[in-house]
Amino acid sequence: MRPASADDRLDLTAFIEANLPLASVPSIPNIRLHMATPRSGLYRLVMADDSDLMPPYWAYPWAGGAVLARYLFDHSEEVAGKRVVDLGTGSGLVAIAAMKCGAAHVLAIDIDAKAIAAAQLNADANDVVIETRLGDIIEDTPPAADVLLAGDIFYDEALAERVLPFLERCRTAGLDVLIGDPGRAPLPTNSLQQVADYAVPDFGGAKGSSTATSAVFRLR
């Protein structure tokens, strides 16, 4: 696969800015994101780069991320002054919320280059600075951080089987692990303690989208 050039990244940035308008996240109005609409034409990104067929999770504020962001605004002490990792950042919603709540540093990680571009644009739009990293870290040693945030990461059984041992290693290493999820089947509830729940929009938060009662969990 040909590495992405600077021109590719600029084209992606321009596409997001031109086709995904900035809008306040429902239930979290102090954060604005570039969000997809029916006219955004996301299929054009797939047609332009057929090597990357990943679903555009980054184009919507999913319920697990939204519930984590709401929780952080109500409990800023969870991240204030701390080093935070946002695993599977997607749109960057949770990373942005952590910075707005006083985190000392936020590292936002995703395996999708489009998500990294969107997260950086969204951080800029909200006047916060985050560090972004493209890659899969769940086979690695725990990152140097105080808190790990993971929204909507248990959407797939195979991924859940891979990610839970990583989160457990992080917890053993001393990181506080907070997870946001609307109750999807692969969620490892036996390993979690629920700390809060909120009714938040799911899949984009646009008109007609559903509202899900989602929860924040702490890894035991």
N, C-alpha and C. Protein backbone atom coordinates (compact mmCIF):
# COMPACT_ATOMS: atom_id res chain seq x y z
N MET A 1 0.86 -1.20 0.00
CA MET A 1 0.00 0.00 0.00
C MET A 1 0.89 1.24 0.00
N ARG A 2 0.59 2.19 -0.87
CA ARG A 2 1.37 3.42 -0.95
C ARG A 2 1.16 4.26 0.29
N PRO A 3 2.26 4.73 0.94
CA PRO A 3 2.10 5.58 2.12
C PRO A 3 1.37 6.87 1.76
N ALA A 4 0.59 7.37 2.70
CA ALA A 4 -0.11 8.63 2.48
C ALA A 4 0.88 9.78 2.42
N SER A 5 0.75 10.62 1.41
CA SER A 5 1.62 11.78 1.28
C SER A 5 0.98 12.98 1.96
N ALA A 6 1.75 14.07 2.06
CA ALA A 6 1.21 15.31 2.63
C ALA A 6 0.03 15.81 1.82
N ASP A 7 0.12 15.65 0.47
CA ASP A 7 -0.98 16.09 -0.38
C ASP A 7 -2.24 15.29 -0.10
N ASP A 8 -2.09 13.95 0.13
CA ASP A 8 -3.25 13.12 0.47
C ASP A 8 -3.91 13.64 1.73
N ARG A 9 -3.11 13.95 2.76
CA ARG A 9 -3.67 14.40 4.02
C ARG A 9 -4.38 15.74 3.85
N LEU A 10 -3.79 16.62 3.05
CA LEU A 10 -4.41 17.90 2.81
C LEU A 10 -5.74 17.71 2.08
N ASP A 11 -5.80 16.78 1.12
CA ASP A 11 -7.05 16.52 0.41
C ASP A 11 -8.10 15.99 1.37
N LEU A 12 -7.73 15.10 2.27
CA LEU A 12 -8.67 14.55 3.24
C LEU A 12 -9.18 15.65 4.17
N THR A 13 -8.28 16.48 4.64
CA THR A 13 -8.67 17.59 5.50
C THR A 13 -9.65 18.51 4.78
N ALA A 14 -9.34 18.82 3.51
CA ALA A 14 -10.21 19.70 2.74
C ALA A 14 -11.57 19.06 2.52
N PHE A 15 -11.60 17.75 2.29
CA PHE A 15 -12.87 17.06 2.09
C PHE A 15 -13.74 17.14 3.35
N ILE A 16 -13.14 16.88 4.50
CA ILE A 16 -13.91 16.93 5.75
C ILE A 16 -14.44 18.33 6.00
N GLU A 17 -13.58 19.32 5.82
CA GLU A 17 -14.01 20.71 6.06
C GLU A 17 -15.13 21.12 5.11
N ALA A 18 -15.07 20.64 3.85
CA ALA A 18 -16.04 21.07 2.85
C ALA A 18 -17.36 20.30 2.94
N ASN A 19 -17.32 19.06 3.42
CA ASN A 19 -18.49 18.19 3.30
C ASN A 19 -19.10 17.71 4.62
N LEU A 20 -18.38 17.88 5.71
CA LEU A 20 -18.92 17.50 7.02
C LEU A 20 -19.00 18.76 7.87
N PRO A 21 -20.16 19.42 7.91
CA PRO A 21 -20.26 20.71 8.59
C PRO A 21 -20.05 20.58 10.09
N LEU A 22 -19.50 21.64 10.69
CA LEU A 22 -19.35 21.70 12.14
C LEU A 22 -20.72 21.90 12.77
N ALA A 23 -20.99 21.12 13.80
CA ALA A 23 -22.26 21.26 14.53
C ALA A 23 -22.05 20.84 15.97
N SER A 24 -22.84 21.41 16.86
CA SER A 24 -22.77 21.03 18.26
C SER A 24 -23.26 19.60 18.43
N VAL A 25 -22.60 18.87 19.32
CA VAL A 25 -23.01 17.49 19.59
C VAL A 25 -24.26 17.52 20.47
N PRO A 26 -25.34 16.87 20.06
CA PRO A 26 -26.54 16.84 20.90
C PRO A 26 -26.21 16.29 22.29
N SER A 27 -26.70 16.96 23.29
CA SER A 27 -26.48 16.67 24.72
C SER A 27 -25.12 17.12 25.21
N ILE A 28 -24.23 17.56 24.29
CA ILE A 28 -22.92 18.09 24.69
C ILE A 28 -22.66 19.36 23.86
N PRO A 29 -23.44 20.40 24.07
CA PRO A 29 -23.39 21.56 23.17
C PRO A 29 -22.09 22.35 23.22
N ASN A 30 -21.24 22.13 24.24
CA ASN A 30 -19.98 22.87 24.29
C ASN A 30 -18.87 22.19 23.49
N ILE A 31 -19.22 21.17 22.72
CA ILE A 31 -18.28 20.57 21.77
C ILE A 31 -18.92 20.56 20.40
N ARG A 32 -18.14 21.01 19.41
CA ARG A 32 -18.60 20.95 18.02
C ARG A 32 -17.72 19.98 17.25
N LEU A 33 -18.34 19.22 16.37
CA LEU A 33 -17.62 18.25 15.55
C LEU A 33 -18.00 18.41 14.08
N HIS A 34 -17.08 18.02 13.21
CA HIS A 34 -17.42 17.84 11.80
C HIS A 34 -18.19 16.53 11.70
N MET A 35 -19.50 16.62 11.42
CA MET A 35 -20.34 15.42 11.40
C MET A 35 -20.96 15.22 10.02
N ALA A 36 -21.09 13.95 9.64
CA ALA A 36 -21.64 13.61 8.33
C ALA A 36 -23.13 13.91 8.28
N THR A 37 -23.57 14.30 7.11
CA THR A 37 -24.99 14.48 6.80
C THR A 37 -25.30 13.62 5.57
N PRO A 38 -26.58 13.48 5.21
CA PRO A 38 -26.90 12.69 4.00
C PRO A 38 -26.24 13.23 2.74
N ARG A 39 -25.81 14.48 2.76
CA ARG A 39 -25.19 15.08 1.58
C ARG A 39 -23.66 15.08 1.62
N SER A 40 -23.09 14.44 2.63
CA SER A 40 -21.64 14.50 2.78
C SER A 40 -20.89 13.69 1.73
N GLY A 41 -21.51 12.66 1.18
CA GLY A 41 -20.85 11.89 0.13
C GLY A 41 -19.63 11.13 0.61
N LEU A 42 -19.75 10.47 1.76
CA LEU A 42 -18.59 9.74 2.30
C LEU A 42 -18.11 8.65 1.36
N TYR A 43 -18.99 8.15 0.50
CA TYR A 43 -18.59 7.10 -0.45
C TYR A 43 -17.44 7.56 -1.34
N ARG A 44 -17.32 8.88 -1.53
CA ARG A 44 -16.25 9.39 -2.38
C ARG A 44 -14.87 9.13 -1.78
N LEU A 45 -14.79 9.08 -0.45
CA LEU A 45 -13.51 8.75 0.17
C LEU A 45 -13.12 7.31 -0.12
N VAL A 46 -14.09 6.40 -0.10
CA VAL A 46 -13.80 5.01 -0.41
C VAL A 46 -13.39 4.87 -1.87
N MET A 47 -14.08 5.56 -2.76
CA MET A 47 -13.76 5.48 -4.18
C MET A 47 -12.38 6.06 -4.47
N ALA A 48 -11.98 7.06 -3.70
CA ALA A 48 -10.69 7.70 -3.93
C ALA A 48 -9.54 6.86 -3.39
N ASP A 49 -9.81 5.98 -2.44
CA ASP A 49 -8.75 5.19 -1.80
C ASP A 49 -9.31 3.81 -1.48
N ASP A 50 -9.31 2.93 -2.49
CA ASP A 50 -9.94 1.62 -2.30
C ASP A 50 -9.12 0.69 -1.42
N SER A 51 -7.96 1.17 -0.93
CA SER A 51 -7.18 0.36 0.02
C SER A 51 -7.71 0.51 1.44
N ASP A 52 -8.57 1.48 1.67
CA ASP A 52 -9.09 1.75 3.01
C ASP A 52 -10.61 1.68 2.98
N LEU A 53 -11.15 0.51 3.33
CA LEU A 53 -12.59 0.30 3.26
C LEU A 53 -13.23 0.31 4.64
N MET A 54 -12.56 0.92 5.62
CA MET A 54 -13.09 0.93 6.97
C MET A 54 -14.35 1.80 7.05
N PRO A 55 -15.36 1.36 7.80
CA PRO A 55 -16.55 2.21 7.96
C PRO A 55 -16.17 3.55 8.58
N PRO A 56 -16.87 4.61 8.22
CA PRO A 56 -16.51 5.95 8.71
C PRO A 56 -17.02 6.22 10.12
N TYR A 57 -16.54 5.42 11.09
CA TYR A 57 -16.95 5.63 12.48
C TYR A 57 -16.62 7.05 12.95
N TRP A 58 -15.57 7.62 12.40
CA TRP A 58 -15.09 8.94 12.80
C TRP A 58 -16.05 10.07 12.43
N ALA A 59 -17.03 9.78 11.59
CA ALA A 59 -17.91 10.85 11.08
C ALA A 59 -19.13 11.09 11.96
N TYR A 60 -19.23 10.35 13.08
CA TYR A 60 -20.41 10.45 13.94
C TYR A 60 -20.00 10.38 15.42
N PRO A 61 -20.74 11.06 16.30
CA PRO A 61 -20.51 10.91 17.74
C PRO A 61 -21.32 9.74 18.28
N TRP A 62 -20.73 8.57 18.35
CA TRP A 62 -21.42 7.36 18.80
C TRP A 62 -21.74 7.45 20.29
N ALA A 63 -22.69 6.61 20.71
CA ALA A 63 -23.22 6.72 22.07
C ALA A 63 -22.16 6.48 23.14
N GLY A 64 -21.25 5.52 22.93
CA GLY A 64 -20.24 5.24 23.93
C GLY A 64 -19.30 6.41 24.17
N GLY A 65 -18.93 7.09 23.10
CA GLY A 65 -18.11 8.28 23.25
C GLY A 65 -18.88 9.43 23.85
N ALA A 66 -20.14 9.59 23.43
CA ALA A 66 -20.96 10.68 23.95
C ALA A 66 -21.19 10.53 25.45
N VAL A 67 -21.43 9.30 25.92
CA VAL A 67 -21.68 9.11 27.35
C VAL A 67 -20.41 9.36 28.16
N LEU A 68 -19.26 8.98 27.62
CA LEU A 68 -18.00 9.28 28.31
C LEU A 68 -17.76 10.78 28.40
N ALA A 69 -18.01 11.48 27.30
CA ALA A 69 -17.82 12.94 27.30
C ALA A 69 -18.74 13.60 28.32
N ARG A 70 -20.02 13.19 28.35
CA ARG A 70 -20.96 13.74 29.34
C ARG A 70 -20.46 13.49 30.76
N TYR A 71 -19.99 12.28 30.99
CA TYR A 71 -19.51 11.92 32.33
C TYR A 71 -18.31 12.78 32.73
N LEU A 72 -17.39 13.01 31.81
CA LEU A 72 -16.21 13.80 32.13
C LEU A 72 -16.59 15.24 32.49
N PHE A 73 -17.55 15.80 31.79
CA PHE A 73 -17.96 17.16 32.11
C PHE A 73 -18.62 17.24 33.49
N ASP A 74 -19.23 16.15 33.92
CA ASP A 74 -19.82 16.12 35.26
C ASP A 74 -18.81 15.72 36.33
N HIS A 75 -17.71 15.10 35.93
CA HIS A 75 -16.71 14.60 36.87
C HIS A 75 -15.31 14.91 36.34
N SER A 76 -15.02 16.18 36.21
CA SER A 76 -13.74 16.58 35.61
C SER A 76 -12.55 16.11 36.43
N GLU A 77 -12.77 15.80 37.71
CA GLU A 77 -11.66 15.33 38.55
C GLU A 77 -11.09 14.00 38.05
N GLU A 78 -11.83 13.28 37.23
CA GLU A 78 -11.33 12.02 36.69
C GLU A 78 -10.12 12.22 35.78
N VAL A 79 -10.03 13.38 35.14
CA VAL A 79 -8.94 13.61 34.18
C VAL A 79 -8.13 14.87 34.46
N ALA A 80 -8.61 15.76 35.30
CA ALA A 80 -7.95 17.05 35.52
C ALA A 80 -6.50 16.85 35.98
N GLY A 81 -5.58 17.47 35.27
CA GLY A 81 -4.17 17.40 35.61
C GLY A 81 -3.51 16.08 35.29
N LYS A 82 -4.19 15.19 34.58
CA LYS A 82 -3.68 13.84 34.34
C LYS A 82 -3.32 13.61 32.88
N ARG A 83 -2.48 12.58 32.66
CA ARG A 83 -2.13 12.15 31.31
C ARG A 83 -3.17 11.12 30.87
N VAL A 84 -3.79 11.38 29.72
CA VAL A 84 -4.95 10.59 29.29
C VAL A 84 -4.67 10.00 27.91
N VAL A 85 -5.12 8.75 27.73
CA VAL A 85 -5.12 8.11 26.42
C VAL A 85 -6.57 7.84 26.03
N ASP A 86 -6.93 8.25 24.81
CA ASP A 86 -8.25 7.98 24.26
C ASP A 86 -8.08 6.90 23.20
N LEU A 87 -8.46 5.67 23.53
CA LEU A 87 -8.26 4.52 22.65
C LEU A 87 -9.42 4.40 21.67
N GLY A 88 -9.11 4.34 20.37
CA GLY A 88 -10.16 4.31 19.36
C GLY A 88 -10.90 5.63 19.30
N THR A 89 -10.15 6.69 19.10
CA THR A 89 -10.69 8.05 19.29
C THR A 89 -11.80 8.42 18.33
N GLY A 90 -11.80 7.86 17.11
CA GLY A 90 -12.85 8.20 16.15
C GLY A 90 -12.86 9.68 15.83
N SER A 91 -13.95 10.35 16.14
CA SER A 91 -14.08 11.79 15.88
C SER A 91 -13.22 12.64 16.80
N GLY A 92 -12.69 12.04 17.87
CA GLY A 92 -11.93 12.82 18.85
C GLY A 92 -12.79 13.40 19.96
N LEU A 93 -14.08 13.05 19.99
CA LEU A 93 -15.00 13.63 20.97
C LEU A 93 -14.51 13.46 22.40
N VAL A 94 -14.11 12.25 22.78
CA VAL A 94 -13.71 12.00 24.16
C VAL A 94 -12.39 12.70 24.47
N ALA A 95 -11.47 12.68 23.53
CA ALA A 95 -10.19 13.36 23.74
C ALA A 95 -10.40 14.86 23.95
N ILE A 96 -11.28 15.44 23.16
CA ILE A 96 -11.57 16.87 23.28
C ILE A 96 -12.21 17.16 24.63
N ALA A 97 -13.16 16.32 25.04
CA ALA A 97 -13.81 16.52 26.34
C ALA A 97 -12.78 16.45 27.46
N ALA A 98 -11.85 15.50 27.37
CA ALA A 98 -10.83 15.37 28.42
C ALA A 98 -9.98 16.64 28.51
N MET A 99 -9.60 17.19 27.37
CA MET A 99 -8.81 18.42 27.41
C MET A 99 -9.62 19.58 27.97
N LYS A 100 -10.88 19.68 27.59
CA LYS A 100 -11.72 20.75 28.11
C LYS A 100 -11.94 20.61 29.62
N CYS A 101 -11.79 19.39 30.12
CA CYS A 101 -11.96 19.15 31.56
C CYS A 101 -10.65 19.24 32.32
N GLY A 102 -9.59 19.73 31.68
CA GLY A 102 -8.36 20.04 32.39
C GLY A 102 -7.27 18.99 32.34
N ALA A 103 -7.37 18.00 31.45
CA ALA A 103 -6.30 17.01 31.34
C ALA A 103 -4.97 17.70 31.02
N ALA A 104 -3.89 17.16 31.56
CA ALA A 104 -2.57 17.74 31.29
C ALA A 104 -2.12 17.43 29.87
N HIS A 105 -2.48 16.25 29.37
CA HIS A 105 -2.09 15.82 28.03
C HIS A 105 -3.03 14.72 27.60
N VAL A 106 -3.44 14.73 26.33
CA VAL A 106 -4.29 13.68 25.79
C VAL A 106 -3.65 13.12 24.53
N LEU A 107 -3.49 11.80 24.51
CA LEU A 107 -3.04 11.08 23.31
C LEU A 107 -4.25 10.36 22.74
N ALA A 108 -4.64 10.72 21.51
CA ALA A 108 -5.79 10.12 20.84
C ALA A 108 -5.29 9.14 19.79
N ILE A 109 -5.71 7.88 19.91
CA ILE A 109 -5.18 6.81 19.07
C ILE A 109 -6.30 6.18 18.26
N ASP A 110 -6.02 5.89 16.98
CA ASP A 110 -6.98 5.18 16.14
C ASP A 110 -6.22 4.44 15.05
N ILE A 111 -6.84 3.37 14.53
CA ILE A 111 -6.22 2.61 13.44
C ILE A 111 -6.60 3.15 12.07
N ASP A 112 -7.48 4.15 12.02
CA ASP A 112 -7.98 4.71 10.76
C ASP A 112 -7.38 6.09 10.55
N ALA A 113 -6.64 6.26 9.46
CA ALA A 113 -6.01 7.55 9.18
C ALA A 113 -7.04 8.66 9.02
N LYS A 114 -8.22 8.32 8.52
CA LYS A 114 -9.27 9.34 8.36
C LYS A 114 -9.76 9.81 9.73
N ALA A 115 -9.83 8.90 10.69
CA ALA A 115 -10.22 9.28 12.05
C ALA A 115 -9.19 10.23 12.64
N ILE A 116 -7.92 9.96 12.43
CA ILE A 116 -6.87 10.83 12.96
C ILE A 116 -6.99 12.23 12.37
N ALA A 117 -7.23 12.32 11.08
CA ALA A 117 -7.41 13.63 10.44
C ALA A 117 -8.62 14.35 11.01
N ALA A 118 -9.74 13.62 11.16
CA ALA A 118 -10.95 14.24 11.69
C ALA A 118 -10.77 14.68 13.14
N ALA A 119 -10.13 13.84 13.95
CA ALA A 119 -9.92 14.18 15.36
C ALA A 119 -9.09 15.45 15.49
N GLN A 120 -8.06 15.59 14.65
CA GLN A 120 -7.23 16.78 14.72
C GLN A 120 -8.00 18.03 14.29
N LEU A 121 -8.79 17.91 13.23
CA LEU A 121 -9.63 19.03 12.81
C LEU A 121 -10.63 19.40 13.89
N ASN A 122 -11.24 18.41 14.51
CA ASN A 122 -12.22 18.69 15.56
C ASN A 122 -11.57 19.32 16.78
N ALA A 123 -10.36 18.87 17.13
CA ALA A 123 -9.66 19.50 18.25
C ALA A 123 -9.39 20.97 17.94
N ASP A 124 -8.93 21.25 16.72
CA ASP A 124 -8.67 22.63 16.33
C ASP A 124 -9.95 23.47 16.43
N ALA A 125 -11.07 22.89 15.99
CA ALA A 125 -12.34 23.63 16.00
C ALA A 125 -12.80 23.94 17.42
N ASN A 126 -12.33 23.14 18.39
CA ASN A 126 -12.72 23.35 19.79
C ASN A 126 -11.63 24.02 20.62
N ASP A 127 -10.60 24.51 19.94
CA ASP A 127 -9.52 25.28 20.58
C ASP A 127 -8.81 24.49 21.68
N VAL A 128 -8.58 23.20 21.43
CA VAL A 128 -7.78 22.39 22.33
C VAL A 128 -6.66 21.72 21.54
N VAL A 129 -5.62 21.32 22.23
CA VAL A 129 -4.48 20.67 21.59
C VAL A 129 -4.43 19.23 22.08
N ILE A 130 -4.47 18.29 21.14
CA ILE A 130 -4.31 16.88 21.47
C ILE A 130 -3.18 16.31 20.63
N GLU A 131 -2.56 15.26 21.13
CA GLU A 131 -1.60 14.50 20.34
C GLU A 131 -2.36 13.34 19.70
N THR A 132 -2.07 13.06 18.44
CA THR A 132 -2.73 11.95 17.76
C THR A 132 -1.69 10.92 17.32
N ARG A 133 -2.13 9.65 17.29
CA ARG A 133 -1.24 8.58 16.85
C ARG A 133 -2.04 7.58 16.04
N LEU A 134 -1.54 7.25 14.87
CA LEU A 134 -2.16 6.24 14.01
C LEU A 134 -1.53 4.89 14.30
N GLY A 135 -2.36 3.89 14.65
CA GLY A 135 -1.82 2.56 14.87
C GLY A 135 -2.65 1.75 15.84
N ASP A 136 -2.30 0.46 15.94
CA ASP A 136 -2.95 -0.49 16.83
C ASP A 136 -1.99 -0.77 17.98
N ILE A 137 -2.37 -0.40 19.20
CA ILE A 137 -1.46 -0.54 20.35
C ILE A 137 -1.86 -1.66 21.29
N ILE A 138 -2.92 -2.42 20.97
CA ILE A 138 -3.45 -3.32 21.98
C ILE A 138 -2.62 -4.59 22.18
N GLU A 139 -1.59 -4.77 21.39
CA GLU A 139 -0.63 -5.84 21.68
C GLU A 139 0.60 -5.31 22.39
N ASP A 140 0.63 -4.00 22.62
CA ASP A 140 1.81 -3.35 23.21
C ASP A 140 1.73 -3.35 24.73
N THR A 141 2.81 -2.87 25.34
CA THR A 141 2.79 -2.64 26.77
C THR A 141 1.91 -1.42 27.07
N PRO A 142 1.40 -1.30 28.29
CA PRO A 142 0.53 -0.16 28.61
C PRO A 142 1.24 1.17 28.37
N PRO A 143 0.51 2.17 27.88
CA PRO A 143 1.11 3.49 27.65
C PRO A 143 1.43 4.21 28.95
N ALA A 144 2.33 5.18 28.85
CA ALA A 144 2.67 6.00 30.02
C ALA A 144 1.57 7.03 30.21
N ALA A 145 0.62 6.71 31.06
CA ALA A 145 -0.54 7.58 31.26
C ALA A 145 -1.16 7.27 32.62
N ASP A 146 -2.09 8.12 33.02
CA ASP A 146 -2.83 7.93 34.27
C ASP A 146 -4.21 7.35 34.04
N VAL A 147 -4.82 7.70 32.90
CA VAL A 147 -6.20 7.31 32.62
C VAL A 147 -6.29 6.84 31.18
N LEU A 148 -7.01 5.75 30.96
CA LEU A 148 -7.32 5.30 29.61
C LEU A 148 -8.82 5.35 29.42
N LEU A 149 -9.26 6.04 28.37
CA LEU A 149 -10.67 6.18 28.04
C LEU A 149 -10.96 5.37 26.77
N ALA A 150 -12.06 4.63 26.77
CA ALA A 150 -12.40 3.80 25.62
C ALA A 150 -13.90 3.85 25.39
N GLY A 151 -14.32 4.58 24.38
CA GLY A 151 -15.73 4.65 24.03
C GLY A 151 -16.03 3.80 22.81
N ASP A 152 -17.09 3.00 22.89
CA ASP A 152 -17.56 2.21 21.74
C ASP A 152 -16.51 1.24 21.22
N ILE A 153 -15.76 0.63 22.11
CA ILE A 153 -14.71 -0.26 21.65
C ILE A 153 -15.13 -1.73 21.68
N PHE A 154 -16.28 -2.02 22.29
CA PHE A 154 -16.75 -3.41 22.38
C PHE A 154 -17.91 -3.68 21.43
N TYR A 155 -17.77 -3.22 20.18
CA TYR A 155 -18.83 -3.40 19.20
C TYR A 155 -18.72 -4.71 18.43
N ASP A 156 -17.61 -5.42 18.61
CA ASP A 156 -17.35 -6.62 17.83
C ASP A 156 -16.74 -7.69 18.75
N GLU A 157 -17.21 -8.92 18.63
CA GLU A 157 -16.78 -10.00 19.52
C GLU A 157 -15.28 -10.26 19.40
N ALA A 158 -14.78 -10.31 18.18
CA ALA A 158 -13.35 -10.59 17.99
C ALA A 158 -12.49 -9.48 18.57
N LEU A 159 -12.91 -8.23 18.35
CA LEU A 159 -12.16 -7.11 18.91
C LEU A 159 -12.22 -7.14 20.43
N ALA A 160 -13.37 -7.46 20.99
CA ALA A 160 -13.51 -7.52 22.45
C ALA A 160 -12.54 -8.53 23.05
N GLU A 161 -12.38 -9.66 22.40
CA GLU A 161 -11.46 -10.69 22.91
C GLU A 161 -10.02 -10.21 22.89
N ARG A 162 -9.68 -9.34 21.96
CA ARG A 162 -8.32 -8.80 21.88
C ARG A 162 -8.10 -7.65 22.85
N VAL A 163 -9.11 -6.79 22.98
CA VAL A 163 -8.88 -5.54 23.70
C VAL A 163 -8.97 -5.71 25.22
N LEU A 164 -9.80 -6.64 25.70
CA LEU A 164 -9.95 -6.77 27.16
C LEU A 164 -8.63 -7.11 27.84
N PRO A 165 -7.83 -8.06 27.35
CA PRO A 165 -6.55 -8.32 28.01
C PRO A 165 -5.64 -7.09 28.04
N PHE A 166 -5.68 -6.27 26.99
CA PHE A 166 -4.89 -5.04 26.98
C PHE A 166 -5.37 -4.08 28.07
N LEU A 167 -6.67 -3.91 28.17
CA LEU A 167 -7.20 -3.02 29.21
C LEU A 167 -6.86 -3.54 30.60
N GLU A 168 -6.88 -4.86 30.77
CA GLU A 168 -6.52 -5.43 32.07
C GLU A 168 -5.04 -5.21 32.38
N ARG A 169 -4.18 -5.27 31.36
CA ARG A 169 -2.76 -4.96 31.59
C ARG A 169 -2.60 -3.51 31.99
N CYS A 170 -3.37 -2.64 31.34
CA CYS A 170 -3.31 -1.21 31.70
C CYS A 170 -3.74 -1.00 33.14
N ARG A 171 -4.81 -1.69 33.54
CA ARG A 171 -5.29 -1.54 34.93
C ARG A 171 -4.25 -2.04 35.92
N THR A 172 -3.63 -3.18 35.62
CA THR A 172 -2.59 -3.73 36.48
C THR A 172 -1.40 -2.78 36.58
N ALA A 173 -1.13 -2.06 35.49
CA ALA A 173 -0.01 -1.11 35.47
C ALA A 173 -0.34 0.18 36.18
N GLY A 174 -1.57 0.33 36.68
CA GLY A 174 -1.93 1.49 37.47
C GLY A 174 -2.79 2.52 36.78
N LEU A 175 -3.16 2.27 35.51
CA LEU A 175 -4.03 3.21 34.82
C LEU A 175 -5.48 3.00 35.27
N ASP A 176 -6.20 4.08 35.41
CA ASP A 176 -7.64 4.01 35.61
C ASP A 176 -8.27 3.84 34.24
N VAL A 177 -9.14 2.85 34.07
CA VAL A 177 -9.74 2.55 32.76
C VAL A 177 -11.23 2.81 32.82
N LEU A 178 -11.70 3.77 32.00
CA LEU A 178 -13.11 4.11 31.92
C LEU A 178 -13.62 3.78 30.52
N ILE A 179 -14.77 3.13 30.47
CA ILE A 179 -15.34 2.62 29.22
C ILE A 179 -16.74 3.18 29.05
N GLY A 180 -17.07 3.65 27.86
CA GLY A 180 -18.41 4.10 27.54
C GLY A 180 -19.05 3.15 26.53
N ASP A 181 -20.29 2.73 26.79
CA ASP A 181 -20.92 1.75 25.91
C ASP A 181 -22.43 1.78 26.11
N PRO A 182 -23.21 1.61 25.02
CA PRO A 182 -24.67 1.57 25.15
C PRO A 182 -25.22 0.18 25.45
N GLY A 183 -24.36 -0.75 25.85
CA GLY A 183 -24.81 -2.08 26.22
C GLY A 183 -24.78 -3.08 25.10
N ARG A 184 -23.77 -2.99 24.25
CA ARG A 184 -23.63 -3.96 23.16
C ARG A 184 -23.27 -5.34 23.71
N ALA A 185 -23.61 -6.37 22.95
CA ALA A 185 -23.48 -7.74 23.43
C ALA A 185 -22.06 -8.12 23.87
N PRO A 186 -20.99 -7.69 23.16
CA PRO A 186 -19.65 -8.14 23.56
C PRO A 186 -19.10 -7.46 24.82
N LEU A 187 -19.83 -6.51 25.40
CA LEU A 187 -19.34 -5.79 26.57
C LEU A 187 -19.08 -6.77 27.72
N PRO A 188 -17.87 -6.80 28.29
CA PRO A 188 -17.53 -7.76 29.35
C PRO A 188 -18.02 -7.28 30.71
N THR A 189 -19.31 -7.33 30.94
CA THR A 189 -19.91 -6.73 32.12
C THR A 189 -19.38 -7.33 33.43
N ASN A 190 -18.97 -8.58 33.40
CA ASN A 190 -18.46 -9.20 34.63
C ASN A 190 -17.16 -8.57 35.11
N SER A 191 -16.47 -7.88 34.22
CA SER A 191 -15.21 -7.25 34.58
C SER A 191 -15.36 -5.77 34.89
N LEU A 192 -16.59 -5.26 34.83
CA LEU A 192 -16.82 -3.82 34.90
C LEU A 192 -17.72 -3.44 36.07
N GLN A 193 -17.51 -2.21 36.53
CA GLN A 193 -18.38 -1.61 37.53
C GLN A 193 -19.02 -0.37 36.92
N GLN A 194 -20.34 -0.32 36.84
CA GLN A 194 -21.00 0.85 36.27
C GLN A 194 -20.91 2.01 37.25
N VAL A 195 -20.55 3.19 36.71
CA VAL A 195 -20.42 4.37 37.57
C VAL A 195 -21.42 5.47 37.21
N ALA A 196 -22.02 5.40 36.01
CA ALA A 196 -22.99 6.44 35.62
C ALA A 196 -23.72 5.98 34.38
N ASP A 197 -24.86 6.61 34.10
CA ASP A 197 -25.55 6.39 32.82
C ASP A 197 -26.24 7.68 32.40
N TYR A 198 -26.37 7.84 31.09
CA TYR A 198 -27.01 9.02 30.51
C TYR A 198 -27.77 8.59 29.26
N ALA A 199 -28.81 9.32 28.93
CA ALA A 199 -29.48 9.16 27.64
C ALA A 199 -28.78 10.07 26.64
N VAL A 200 -28.14 9.49 25.66
CA VAL A 200 -27.37 10.25 24.68
C VAL A 200 -27.74 9.77 23.27
N PRO A 201 -27.56 10.62 22.27
CA PRO A 201 -27.84 10.21 20.90
C PRO A 201 -26.82 9.19 20.41
N ASP A 202 -27.27 8.30 19.54
CA ASP A 202 -26.38 7.31 18.95
C ASP A 202 -26.31 7.50 17.45
N PHE A 203 -25.19 7.11 16.88
CA PHE A 203 -24.93 7.16 15.44
C PHE A 203 -25.26 8.51 14.83
N GLY A 204 -24.47 9.49 15.20
CA GLY A 204 -24.51 10.75 14.51
C GLY A 204 -25.28 11.85 15.19
N GLY A 205 -26.30 11.53 15.93
CA GLY A 205 -27.05 12.56 16.61
C GLY A 205 -27.79 13.51 15.69
N ALA A 206 -27.96 13.14 14.42
CA ALA A 206 -28.69 13.99 13.50
C ALA A 206 -30.19 13.81 13.70
N LYS A 207 -30.98 14.59 13.02
CA LYS A 207 -32.44 14.46 13.14
C LYS A 207 -32.86 13.04 12.79
N GLY A 208 -33.68 12.47 13.62
CA GLY A 208 -34.16 11.13 13.36
C GLY A 208 -33.29 10.04 13.95
N SER A 209 -32.13 10.38 14.48
CA SER A 209 -31.29 9.35 15.08
C SER A 209 -31.88 8.94 16.43
N SER A 210 -31.51 7.75 16.85
CA SER A 210 -32.07 7.23 18.09
C SER A 210 -31.32 7.76 19.30
N THR A 211 -31.98 7.70 20.45
CA THR A 211 -31.34 8.04 21.71
C THR A 211 -31.17 6.76 22.52
N ALA A 212 -29.96 6.55 23.01
CA ALA A 212 -29.67 5.32 23.74
C ALA A 212 -29.30 5.65 25.18
N THR A 213 -29.82 4.87 26.12
CA THR A 213 -29.36 4.99 27.49
C THR A 213 -28.05 4.23 27.58
N SER A 214 -26.98 4.97 27.71
CA SER A 214 -25.64 4.39 27.69
C SER A 214 -24.98 4.60 29.05
N ALA A 215 -23.94 3.83 29.29
CA ALA A 215 -23.34 3.85 30.62
C ALA A 215 -21.83 4.01 30.54
N VAL A 216 -21.29 4.49 31.66
CA VAL A 216 -19.85 4.57 31.86
C VAL A 216 -19.47 3.51 32.88
N PHE A 217 -18.42 2.76 32.56
CA PHE A 217 -17.97 1.68 33.42
C PHE A 217 -16.49 1.88 33.79
N ARG A 218 -16.14 1.40 34.96
CA ARG A 218 -14.74 1.36 35.37
C ARG A 218 -14.30 -0.10 35.36
N LEU A 219 -13.15 -0.38 34.77
CA LEU A 219 -12.62 -1.73 34.81
C LEU A 219 -12.21 -2.06 36.23
N ARG A 220 -12.68 -3.17 36.73
CA ARG A 220 -12.42 -3.55 38.12
C ARG A 220 -10.93 -3.76 38.34
